[in-house]
């Protein structure tokens, strides 16, 4: 018999999400205190510092507000899955409103990369569709989710490290739809090199 998880604050939630994806939340949607946000920011930065070791050189810098926005979004998704609200989702799950830069994309991705796992928590079509819309708005974080990207890929295309990492994710998830973009397809082909038949058997370069 599984032992129920104790309610987690934002920092513990981020830790659990990035380690084993077994998360819980505190009931009731209330603003996070400055201390809670500071604690979560430290966890996110430490995750960034470890994660960047696996990224190509010259990776984007850490953008605290983007990382905290994504962490809060993930937390609220689980809260709303467990405790639906009559308030509009756009109020409870606001979009990121600052300019989208490579640093913003990579920092938000520290939590947004777990959107496929968070989608499993959704119990209503309304919340599920909202998560899918968010995934479409953040294509770097949503390869393999079978969504049509609506967010701009320009910051990814303009950053060599992000482009290489994005190509790697497309290969791992074998997301053929993302290769409809010619620059992404070229990056995927370049990333596979002479190992195409090993990394992506049956890949069609004429997509």
C-alpha atoms as a PDB file:
ATOM      1  CA  UNK A   1       0.000   0.000   0.000  1.00  0.00           C
ATOM      2  CA  UNK A   2       1.461   3.334  -1.109  1.00  0.00           C
ATOM      3  CA  UNK A   3       2.077   5.902   1.591  1.00  0.00           C
ATOM      4  CA  UNK A   4       0.359   9.229   0.745  1.00  0.00           C
ATOM      5  CA  UNK A   5       2.733  12.083   0.075  1.00  0.00           C
ATOM      6  CA  UNK A   6       2.786  14.912   2.585  1.00  0.00           C
ATOM      7  CA  UNK A   7       1.799  18.331   1.216  1.00  0.00           C
ATOM      8  CA  UNK A   8       4.800  20.074  -0.347  1.00  0.00           C
ATOM      9  CA  UNK A   9       5.680  23.740  -0.442  1.00  0.00           C
ATOM     10  CA  UNK A  10       7.003  25.167  -3.715  1.00  0.00           C
ATOM     11  CA  UNK A  11      10.660  24.350  -3.052  1.00  0.00           C
ATOM     12  CA  UNK A  12       9.918  20.733  -2.105  1.00  0.00           C
ATOM     13  CA  UNK A  13       7.563  20.448  -5.072  1.00  0.00           C
ATOM     14  CA  UNK A  14      10.298  21.526  -7.505  1.00  0.00           C
ATOM     15  CA  UNK A  15      12.751  19.106  -5.897  1.00  0.00           C
ATOM     16  CA  UNK A  16      10.299  16.212  -6.201  1.00  0.00           C
ATOM     17  CA  UNK A  17       9.267  17.148  -9.730  1.00  0.00           C
ATOM     18  CA  UNK A  18      12.851  17.183 -10.964  1.00  0.00           C
ATOM     19  CA  UNK A  19      13.854  14.007  -9.133  1.00  0.00           C
ATOM     20  CA  UNK A  20      11.083  11.411  -9.296  1.00  0.00           C
ATOM     21  CA  UNK A  21       7.996  13.369 -10.462  1.00  0.00           C
ATOM     22  CA  UNK A  22       6.045  12.243  -7.374  1.00  0.00           C
ATOM     23  CA  UNK A  23       4.585  15.515  -6.201  1.00  0.00           C
ATOM     24  CA  UNK A  24       1.937  16.819  -3.844  1.00  0.00           C
ATOM     25  CA  UNK A  25       0.635  20.297  -3.071  1.00  0.00           C
ATOM     26  CA  UNK A  26      -0.849  22.291  -0.237  1.00  0.00           C
ATOM     27  CA  UNK A  27      -4.627  22.716  -0.627  1.00  0.00           C
ATOM     28  CA  UNK A  28      -5.925  26.173  -1.439  1.00  0.00           C
ATOM     29  CA  UNK A  29      -4.539  28.574  -4.030  1.00  0.00           C
ATOM     30  CA  UNK A  30      -2.936  31.450  -2.160  1.00  0.00           C
ATOM     31  CA  UNK A  31       0.020  33.681  -3.096  1.00  0.00           C
ATOM     32  CA  UNK A  32       3.440  32.307  -2.259  1.00  0.00           C
ATOM     33  CA  UNK A  33       5.300  34.220   0.442  1.00  0.00           C
ATOM     34  CA  UNK A  34       8.600  35.962  -0.400  1.00  0.00           C
ATOM     35  CA  UNK A  35      10.418  33.338   1.683  1.00  0.00           C
ATOM     36  CA  UNK A  36       8.745  30.491  -0.233  1.00  0.00           C
ATOM     37  CA  UNK A  37       9.732  32.070  -3.539  1.00  0.00           C
ATOM     38  CA  UNK A  38      13.289  32.640  -2.361  1.00  0.00           C
ATOM     39  CA  UNK A  39      13.614  29.014  -1.244  1.00  0.00           C
ATOM     40  CA  UNK A  40      12.204  27.788  -4.550  1.00  0.00           C
ATOM     41  CA  UNK A  41      14.517  30.078  -6.509  1.00  0.00           C
ATOM     42  CA  UNK A  42      17.538  28.545  -4.785  1.00  0.00           C
ATOM     43  CA  UNK A  43      16.336  25.032  -5.645  1.00  0.00           C
ATOM     44  CA  UNK A  44      15.740  26.067  -9.257  1.00  0.00           C
ATOM     45  CA  UNK A  45      19.169  27.664  -9.545  1.00  0.00           C
ATOM     46  CA  UNK A  46      20.872  24.579  -8.151  1.00  0.00           C
ATOM     47  CA  UNK A  47      18.948  22.462 -10.664  1.00  0.00           C
ATOM     48  CA  UNK A  48      20.006  24.838 -13.440  1.00  0.00           C
ATOM     49  CA  UNK A  49      23.629  24.650 -12.318  1.00  0.00           C
ATOM     50  CA  UNK A  50      23.551  20.832 -12.467  1.00  0.00           C
ATOM     51  CA  UNK A  51      21.511  20.635 -15.663  1.00  0.00           C
ATOM     52  CA  UNK A  52      23.724  23.023 -17.605  1.00  0.00           C
ATOM     53  CA  UNK A  53      26.593  20.546 -17.294  1.00  0.00           C
ATOM     54  CA  UNK A  54      24.733  18.402 -19.843  1.00  0.00           C
ATOM     55  CA  UNK A  55      24.080  21.325 -22.183  1.00  0.00           C
ATOM     56  CA  UNK A  56      26.275  22.511 -25.051  1.00  0.00           C
ATOM     57  CA  UNK A  57      28.835  25.249 -24.252  1.00  0.00           C
ATOM     58  CA  UNK A  58      27.670  28.858 -23.975  1.00  0.00           C
ATOM     59  CA  UNK A  59      24.222  27.884 -22.737  1.00  0.00           C
ATOM     60  CA  UNK A  60      21.756  30.637 -21.733  1.00  0.00           C
ATOM     61  CA  UNK A  61      21.977  32.245 -18.314  1.00  0.00           C
ATOM     62  CA  UNK A  62      19.559  31.601 -15.452  1.00  0.00           C
ATOM     63  CA  UNK A  63      16.488  33.868 -15.534  1.00  0.00           C
ATOM     64  CA  UNK A  64      14.926  33.770 -12.085  1.00  0.00           C
ATOM     65  CA  UNK A  65      11.524  35.218 -12.908  1.00  0.00           C
ATOM     66  CA  UNK A  66      10.968  32.763 -15.772  1.00  0.00           C
ATOM     67  CA  UNK A  67      12.031  29.801 -13.643  1.00  0.00           C
ATOM     68  CA  UNK A  68       9.721  30.839 -10.801  1.00  0.00           C
ATOM     69  CA  UNK A  69       6.833  31.489 -13.193  1.00  0.00           C
ATOM     70  CA  UNK A  70       7.130  27.961 -14.614  1.00  0.00           C
ATOM     71  CA  UNK A  71       7.489  26.402 -11.161  1.00  0.00           C
ATOM     72  CA  UNK A  72       4.387  28.250  -9.968  1.00  0.00           C
ATOM     73  CA  UNK A  73       2.485  27.176 -13.083  1.00  0.00           C
ATOM     74  CA  UNK A  74       3.390  23.531 -12.483  1.00  0.00           C
ATOM     75  CA  UNK A  75       2.342  23.780  -8.833  1.00  0.00           C
ATOM     76  CA  UNK A  76      -0.989  25.394  -9.711  1.00  0.00           C
ATOM     77  CA  UNK A  77      -1.736  22.748 -12.349  1.00  0.00           C
ATOM     78  CA  UNK A  78      -1.521  20.023  -9.714  1.00  0.00           C
ATOM     79  CA  UNK A  79      -3.548  22.109  -7.264  1.00  0.00           C
ATOM     80  CA  UNK A  80      -6.297  22.652  -9.833  1.00  0.00           C
ATOM     81  CA  UNK A  81      -6.272  18.990 -10.767  1.00  0.00           C
ATOM     82  CA  UNK A  82      -6.990  18.121  -7.145  1.00  0.00           C
ATOM     83  CA  UNK A  83      -9.197  21.089  -6.302  1.00  0.00           C
ATOM     84  CA  UNK A  84     -10.948  22.631  -9.362  1.00  0.00           C
ATOM     85  CA  UNK A  85     -11.844  26.314  -9.171  1.00  0.00           C
ATOM     86  CA  UNK A  86     -14.639  28.355 -10.718  1.00  0.00           C
ATOM     87  CA  UNK A  87     -12.186  31.140 -11.513  1.00  0.00           C
ATOM     88  CA  UNK A  88     -10.883  31.393 -15.113  1.00  0.00           C
ATOM     89  CA  UNK A  89      -7.736  29.386 -15.758  1.00  0.00           C
ATOM     90  CA  UNK A  90      -6.147  32.458 -17.316  1.00  0.00           C
ATOM     91  CA  UNK A  91      -6.408  34.095 -13.893  1.00  0.00           C
ATOM     92  CA  UNK A  92      -5.015  31.142 -11.970  1.00  0.00           C
ATOM     93  CA  UNK A  93      -2.464  30.110 -14.613  1.00  0.00           C
ATOM     94  CA  UNK A  94      -1.331  33.389 -16.176  1.00  0.00           C
ATOM     95  CA  UNK A  95       0.897  33.411 -19.241  1.00  0.00           C
ATOM     96  CA  UNK A  96       4.477  34.637 -19.103  1.00  0.00           C
ATOM     97  CA  UNK A  97       4.362  38.255 -20.217  1.00  0.00           C
ATOM     98  CA  UNK A  98       8.013  39.283 -20.531  1.00  0.00           C
ATOM     99  CA  UNK A  99      10.017  39.050 -23.788  1.00  0.00           C
ATOM    100  CA  UNK A 100      10.908  35.477 -24.701  1.00  0.00           C
ATOM    101  CA  UNK A 101      14.687  35.158 -24.825  1.00  0.00           C
ATOM    102  CA  UNK A 102      16.960  32.087 -24.858  1.00  0.00           C
ATOM    103  CA  UNK A 103      17.532  32.561 -21.109  1.00  0.00           C
ATOM    104  CA  UNK A 104      13.785  32.700 -20.477  1.00  0.00           C
ATOM    105  CA  UNK A 105      13.178  29.564 -22.549  1.00  0.00           C
ATOM    106  CA  UNK A 106      15.875  27.540 -20.803  1.00  0.00           C
ATOM    107  CA  UNK A 107      14.999  28.760 -17.302  1.00  0.00           C
ATOM    108  CA  UNK A 108      11.273  28.116 -17.750  1.00  0.00           C
ATOM    109  CA  UNK A 109      12.141  24.716 -19.191  1.00  0.00           C
ATOM    110  CA  UNK A 110      13.562  23.591 -15.854  1.00  0.00           C
ATOM    111  CA  UNK A 111       9.931  22.864 -14.913  1.00  0.00           C
ATOM    112  CA  UNK A 112       8.102  23.030 -18.247  1.00  0.00           C
ATOM    113  CA  UNK A 113       9.983  19.976 -19.497  1.00  0.00           C
ATOM    114  CA  UNK A 114       7.737  18.033 -17.112  1.00  0.00           C
ATOM    115  CA  UNK A 115       4.514  19.116 -18.843  1.00  0.00           C
ATOM    116  CA  UNK A 116       3.931  15.544 -20.124  1.00  0.00           C
ATOM    117  CA  UNK A 117       3.992  14.321 -16.508  1.00  0.00           C
ATOM    118  CA  UNK A 118       1.797  17.181 -15.305  1.00  0.00           C
ATOM    119  CA  UNK A 119      -0.686  16.384 -18.061  1.00  0.00           C
ATOM    120  CA  UNK A 120      -1.276  13.030 -16.383  1.00  0.00           C
ATOM    121  CA  UNK A 121      -2.619  14.838 -13.307  1.00  0.00           C
ATOM    122  CA  UNK A 122      -5.366  16.622 -15.230  1.00  0.00           C
ATOM    123  CA  UNK A 123      -8.872  15.267 -14.721  1.00  0.00           C
ATOM    124  CA  UNK A 124     -10.956  17.665 -16.812  1.00  0.00           C
ATOM    125  CA  UNK A 125     -10.796  18.502 -20.513  1.00  0.00           C
ATOM    126  CA  UNK A 126     -10.650  22.183 -19.590  1.00  0.00           C
ATOM    127  CA  UNK A 127      -7.430  21.853 -17.597  1.00  0.00           C
ATOM    128  CA  UNK A 128      -5.976  19.291 -20.000  1.00  0.00           C
ATOM    129  CA  UNK A 129      -6.532  21.597 -22.961  1.00  0.00           C
ATOM    130  CA  UNK A 130      -4.925  24.464 -21.081  1.00  0.00           C
ATOM    131  CA  UNK A 131      -1.816  22.382 -20.388  1.00  0.00           C
ATOM    132  CA  UNK A 132      -1.644  21.399 -24.056  1.00  0.00           C
ATOM    133  CA  UNK A 133      -1.985  25.047 -25.079  1.00  0.00           C
ATOM    134  CA  UNK A 134       0.887  25.899 -22.752  1.00  0.00           C
ATOM    135  CA  UNK A 135       2.951  23.104 -24.287  1.00  0.00           C
ATOM    136  CA  UNK A 136       2.284  24.532 -27.741  1.00  0.00           C
ATOM    137  CA  UNK A 137       3.387  27.976 -26.579  1.00  0.00           C
ATOM    138  CA  UNK A 138       6.700  26.562 -25.319  1.00  0.00           C
ATOM    139  CA  UNK A 139       7.922  24.237 -28.108  1.00  0.00           C
ATOM    140  CA  UNK A 140      11.405  23.754 -26.638  1.00  0.00           C
ATOM    141  CA  UNK A 141       9.811  21.984 -23.656  1.00  0.00           C
ATOM    142  CA  UNK A 142       7.146  19.954 -25.437  1.00  0.00           C
ATOM    143  CA  UNK A 143       8.730  17.669 -28.019  1.00  0.00           C
ATOM    144  CA  UNK A 144       6.862  14.378 -28.255  1.00  0.00           C
ATOM    145  CA  UNK A 145       3.603  15.824 -26.939  1.00  0.00           C
ATOM    146  CA  UNK A 146       1.868  15.865 -30.328  1.00  0.00           C
ATOM    147  CA  UNK A 147       1.018  19.542 -30.232  1.00  0.00           C
ATOM    148  CA  UNK A 148       1.436  22.062 -33.017  1.00  0.00           C
ATOM    149  CA  UNK A 149       3.798  24.783 -31.754  1.00  0.00           C
ATOM    150  CA  UNK A 150       2.291  28.242 -31.521  1.00  0.00           C
ATOM    151  CA  UNK A 151       5.207  29.865 -29.711  1.00  0.00           C
ATOM    152  CA  UNK A 152       8.033  31.381 -31.737  1.00  0.00           C
ATOM    153  CA  UNK A 153      11.095  29.234 -32.390  1.00  0.00           C
ATOM    154  CA  UNK A 154      13.252  32.223 -33.277  1.00  0.00           C
ATOM    155  CA  UNK A 155      14.996  32.451 -29.855  1.00  0.00           C
ATOM    156  CA  UNK A 156      15.874  28.748 -30.180  1.00  0.00           C
ATOM    157  CA  UNK A 157      17.106  29.123 -33.743  1.00  0.00           C
ATOM    158  CA  UNK A 158      19.245  32.095 -32.761  1.00  0.00           C
ATOM    159  CA  UNK A 159      20.956  30.293 -29.876  1.00  0.00           C
ATOM    160  CA  UNK A 160      23.376  27.519 -30.854  1.00  0.00           C
ATOM    161  CA  UNK A 161      23.146  25.727 -27.510  1.00  0.00           C
ATOM    162  CA  UNK A 162      19.333  25.721 -27.447  1.00  0.00           C
ATOM    163  CA  UNK A 163      19.125  24.633 -31.074  1.00  0.00           C
ATOM    164  CA  UNK A 164      21.441  21.692 -30.457  1.00  0.00           C
ATOM    165  CA  UNK A 165      19.532  20.701 -27.314  1.00  0.00           C
ATOM    166  CA  UNK A 166      16.205  21.043 -29.140  1.00  0.00           C
ATOM    167  CA  UNK A 167      17.441  18.846 -31.990  1.00  0.00           C
ATOM    168  CA  UNK A 168      18.530  16.232 -29.449  1.00  0.00           C
ATOM    169  CA  UNK A 169      15.058  16.268 -27.878  1.00  0.00           C
ATOM    170  CA  UNK A 170      13.377  15.905 -31.262  1.00  0.00           C
ATOM    171  CA  UNK A 171      15.570  12.872 -31.917  1.00  0.00           C
ATOM    172  CA  UNK A 172      14.935  11.281 -28.514  1.00  0.00           C
ATOM    173  CA  UNK A 173      11.154  11.723 -28.829  1.00  0.00           C
ATOM    174  CA  UNK A 174      11.239  11.039 -32.591  1.00  0.00           C
ATOM    175  CA  UNK A 175       8.905  13.961 -33.073  1.00  0.00           C
ATOM    176  CA  UNK A 176       8.576  13.952 -36.859  1.00  0.00           C
ATOM    177  CA  UNK A 177       6.199  16.905 -36.802  1.00  0.00           C
ATOM    178  CA  UNK A 178       8.907  19.243 -35.497  1.00  0.00           C
ATOM    179  CA  UNK A 179      11.044  18.406 -38.535  1.00  0.00           C
ATOM    180  CA  UNK A 180       8.557  20.182 -40.767  1.00  0.00           C
ATOM    181  CA  UNK A 181      10.559  23.302 -39.947  1.00  0.00           C
ATOM    182  CA  UNK A 182      13.528  23.246 -42.355  1.00  0.00           C
ATOM    183  CA  UNK A 183      16.058  24.708 -39.902  1.00  0.00           C
ATOM    184  CA  UNK A 184      15.027  22.223 -37.213  1.00  0.00           C
ATOM    185  CA  UNK A 185      15.249  19.358 -39.693  1.00  0.00           C
ATOM    186  CA  UNK A 186      18.750  20.438 -40.689  1.00  0.00           C
ATOM    187  CA  UNK A 187      19.770  20.654 -37.029  1.00  0.00           C
ATOM    188  CA  UNK A 188      18.399  17.151 -36.430  1.00  0.00           C
ATOM    189  CA  UNK A 189      20.272  15.745 -39.422  1.00  0.00           C
ATOM    190  CA  UNK A 190      23.470  17.441 -38.261  1.00  0.00           C
ATOM    191  CA  UNK A 191      23.039  16.138 -34.700  1.00  0.00           C
ATOM    192  CA  UNK A 192      22.630  12.546 -35.888  1.00  0.00           C
ATOM    193  CA  UNK A 193      25.594  12.696 -38.252  1.00  0.00           C
ATOM    194  CA  UNK A 194      26.577   9.204 -39.367  1.00  0.00           C
ATOM    195  CA  UNK A 195      24.509   7.559 -36.613  1.00  0.00           C
ATOM    196  CA  UNK A 196      21.068   8.179 -38.089  1.00  0.00           C
ATOM    197  CA  UNK A 197      20.156   4.483 -38.332  1.00  0.00           C
ATOM    198  CA  UNK A 198      21.056   4.022 -34.671  1.00  0.00           C
ATOM    199  CA  UNK A 199      19.550   7.199 -33.238  1.00  0.00           C
ATOM    200  CA  UNK A 200      16.422   7.333 -35.397  1.00  0.00           C
ATOM    201  CA  UNK A 201      15.895   4.233 -37.543  1.00  0.00           C
ATOM    202  CA  UNK A 202      13.674   4.973 -40.500  1.00  0.00           C
ATOM    203  CA  UNK A 203      14.102   8.747 -40.303  1.00  0.00           C
ATOM    204  CA  UNK A 204      13.111  10.311 -43.602  1.00  0.00           C
ATOM    205  CA  UNK A 205      15.245  13.365 -44.457  1.00  0.00           C
ATOM    206  CA  UNK A 206      12.697  14.314 -47.129  1.00  0.00           C
ATOM    207  CA  UNK A 207       9.982  15.104 -44.562  1.00  0.00           C
END
